[in-house]
Amino acid sequence: MIGRYHGLVLSDDDTRGLRDAMETEKNPTEDFPHLHHVKAIGQHADLLAAVRAAIAPHAPDLPDMAFSCRPSSQGQYQAVTVSLEINSHEHLLAIYSSVKGIDGVILCL
């Protein structure tokens, strides 16, 4: 088990297949550029700042309103959502790779 979020038990096995598929398969109907929402869920003292720093090289100058953060019902986890324009499949993979690399992130959607 790598964590719990709103009653869900999250394990590495549960998310591995989804991550692998996302990293290797392109959706032929995906048009670029498009608005995309990246969500990171984790236990980190300042997850919002960590996500901002991870995304900055890929999407500089994002306004504050592109980011939202909320705690879980018991305050154990934070969920950060970023709304940004994605230019290509490779751009999307690079962003997810950076966000998944943040210490304490247990799920990236």
Protein backbone atom coordinates (compact mmCIF):
# COMPACT_ATOMS: atom_id res chain seq x y z
CA MET A 1 0.00 0.00 0.00
CA ILE A 2 1.35 3.43 -0.90
CA GLY A 3 -1.43 5.41 0.74
CA ARG A 4 -5.10 6.13 1.20
CA TYR A 5 -7.15 8.90 -0.31
CA HIS A 6 -10.80 9.46 0.65
CA GLY A 7 -11.21 5.84 1.69
CA LEU A 8 -9.45 4.40 -1.35
CA VAL A 9 -6.43 2.22 -0.73
CA LEU A 10 -3.84 3.08 -3.34
CA SER A 11 -1.12 0.64 -4.21
CA ASP A 12 1.65 0.85 -6.74
CA ASP A 13 0.13 -2.15 -8.55
CA ASP A 14 -3.22 -0.33 -8.88
CA THR A 15 -1.70 2.63 -10.66
CA ARG A 16 1.17 1.00 -12.56
CA GLY A 17 -0.95 -0.19 -15.52
CA LEU A 18 -2.56 3.21 -15.99
CA ARG A 19 0.79 4.99 -15.78
CA ASP A 20 2.44 2.58 -18.21
CA ALA A 21 -0.38 2.96 -20.72
CA MET A 22 -0.29 6.73 -20.49
CA GLU A 23 3.48 6.80 -20.96
CA THR A 24 3.52 4.60 -24.04
CA GLU A 25 0.26 5.07 -25.92
CA LYS A 26 -0.82 8.09 -27.88
CA ASN A 27 -4.49 8.81 -28.32
CA PRO A 28 -5.00 9.33 -32.07
CA THR A 29 -8.01 11.57 -31.44
CA GLU A 30 -6.06 13.91 -29.16
CA ASP A 31 -5.72 17.33 -30.73
CA PHE A 32 -3.02 19.76 -29.68
CA PRO A 33 -2.84 22.30 -28.28
CA HIS A 34 -5.58 21.75 -25.72
CA LEU A 35 -6.44 22.63 -22.13
CA HIS A 36 -5.51 19.84 -19.73
CA HIS A 37 -5.92 19.41 -15.98
CA VAL A 38 -3.10 17.73 -14.07
CA LYS A 39 -3.86 16.60 -10.52
CA ALA A 40 -1.27 15.57 -7.94
CA ILE A 41 -2.32 13.97 -4.66
CA GLY A 42 0.15 13.50 -1.88
CA GLN A 43 1.58 14.08 1.53
CA HIS A 44 3.96 16.99 1.27
CA ALA A 45 4.38 19.98 3.56
CA ASP A 46 3.90 22.37 0.63
CA LEU A 47 2.64 20.33 -2.30
CA LEU A 48 1.41 23.42 -4.15
CA ALA A 49 4.89 24.98 -4.23
CA ALA A 50 6.46 21.66 -5.22
CA VAL A 51 4.01 21.23 -8.13
CA ARG A 52 4.61 24.83 -9.27
CA ALA A 53 8.36 24.20 -9.28
CA ALA A 54 8.01 20.89 -11.17
CA ILE A 55 5.77 22.40 -13.86
CA ALA A 56 7.64 25.71 -14.27
CA PRO A 57 10.22 24.39 -16.78
CA HIS A 58 7.43 23.03 -18.99
CA ALA A 59 4.92 25.86 -18.62
CA PRO A 60 6.55 29.08 -17.43
CA ASP A 61 4.44 32.10 -16.50
CA LEU A 62 1.34 30.18 -15.42
CA PRO A 63 -0.95 32.54 -13.49
CA ASP A 64 -1.94 31.82 -9.88
CA MET A 65 -5.48 31.04 -11.01
CA ALA A 66 -4.16 28.03 -12.98
CA PHE A 67 -3.46 26.28 -9.66
CA SER A 68 -5.87 25.10 -6.98
CA CYS A 69 -5.14 23.19 -3.80
CA ARG A 70 -7.40 21.54 -1.27
CA PRO A 71 -6.82 19.24 1.68
CA SER A 72 -8.46 15.85 2.10
CA SER A 73 -11.37 15.61 4.53
CA GLN A 74 -9.08 14.61 7.41
CA GLY A 75 -6.22 16.87 6.34
CA GLN A 76 -3.75 14.06 5.77
CA TYR A 77 -3.38 14.64 2.02
CA GLN A 78 -3.44 17.56 -0.39
CA ALA A 79 -4.71 17.62 -3.94
CA VAL A 80 -3.25 20.16 -6.34
CA THR A 81 -4.90 20.72 -9.72
CA VAL A 82 -3.20 22.65 -12.51
CA SER A 83 -5.02 23.79 -15.66
CA LEU A 84 -2.66 24.42 -18.53
CA GLU A 85 -2.30 24.28 -22.28
CA ILE A 86 -0.57 21.15 -23.58
CA ASN A 87 1.21 21.45 -26.93
CA SER A 88 2.00 17.80 -27.69
CA HIS A 89 1.89 14.28 -26.29
CA GLU A 90 5.58 14.59 -25.40
CA HIS A 91 4.86 17.85 -23.54
CA LEU A 92 2.18 16.06 -21.50
CA LEU A 93 4.49 13.14 -20.67
CA ALA A 94 7.26 15.51 -19.57
CA ILE A 95 4.89 17.32 -17.21
CA TYR A 96 3.57 14.09 -15.69
CA SER A 97 7.11 12.78 -15.29
CA SER A 98 8.15 15.91 -13.40
CA VAL A 99 5.09 15.90 -11.14
CA LYS A 100 5.39 12.16 -10.39
CA GLY A 101 8.98 12.80 -9.30
CA ILE A 102 7.91 15.03 -6.40
CA ASP A 103 8.63 13.49 -3.02
CA GLY A 104 5.38 12.53 -1.31
CA VAL A 105 3.19 12.40 -4.44
CA ILE A 106 1.19 9.18 -4.31
CA LEU A 107 -1.09 9.69 -7.29
CA CYS A 108 -0.91 11.80 -10.43
CA LEU A 109 -3.94 12.10 -12.68
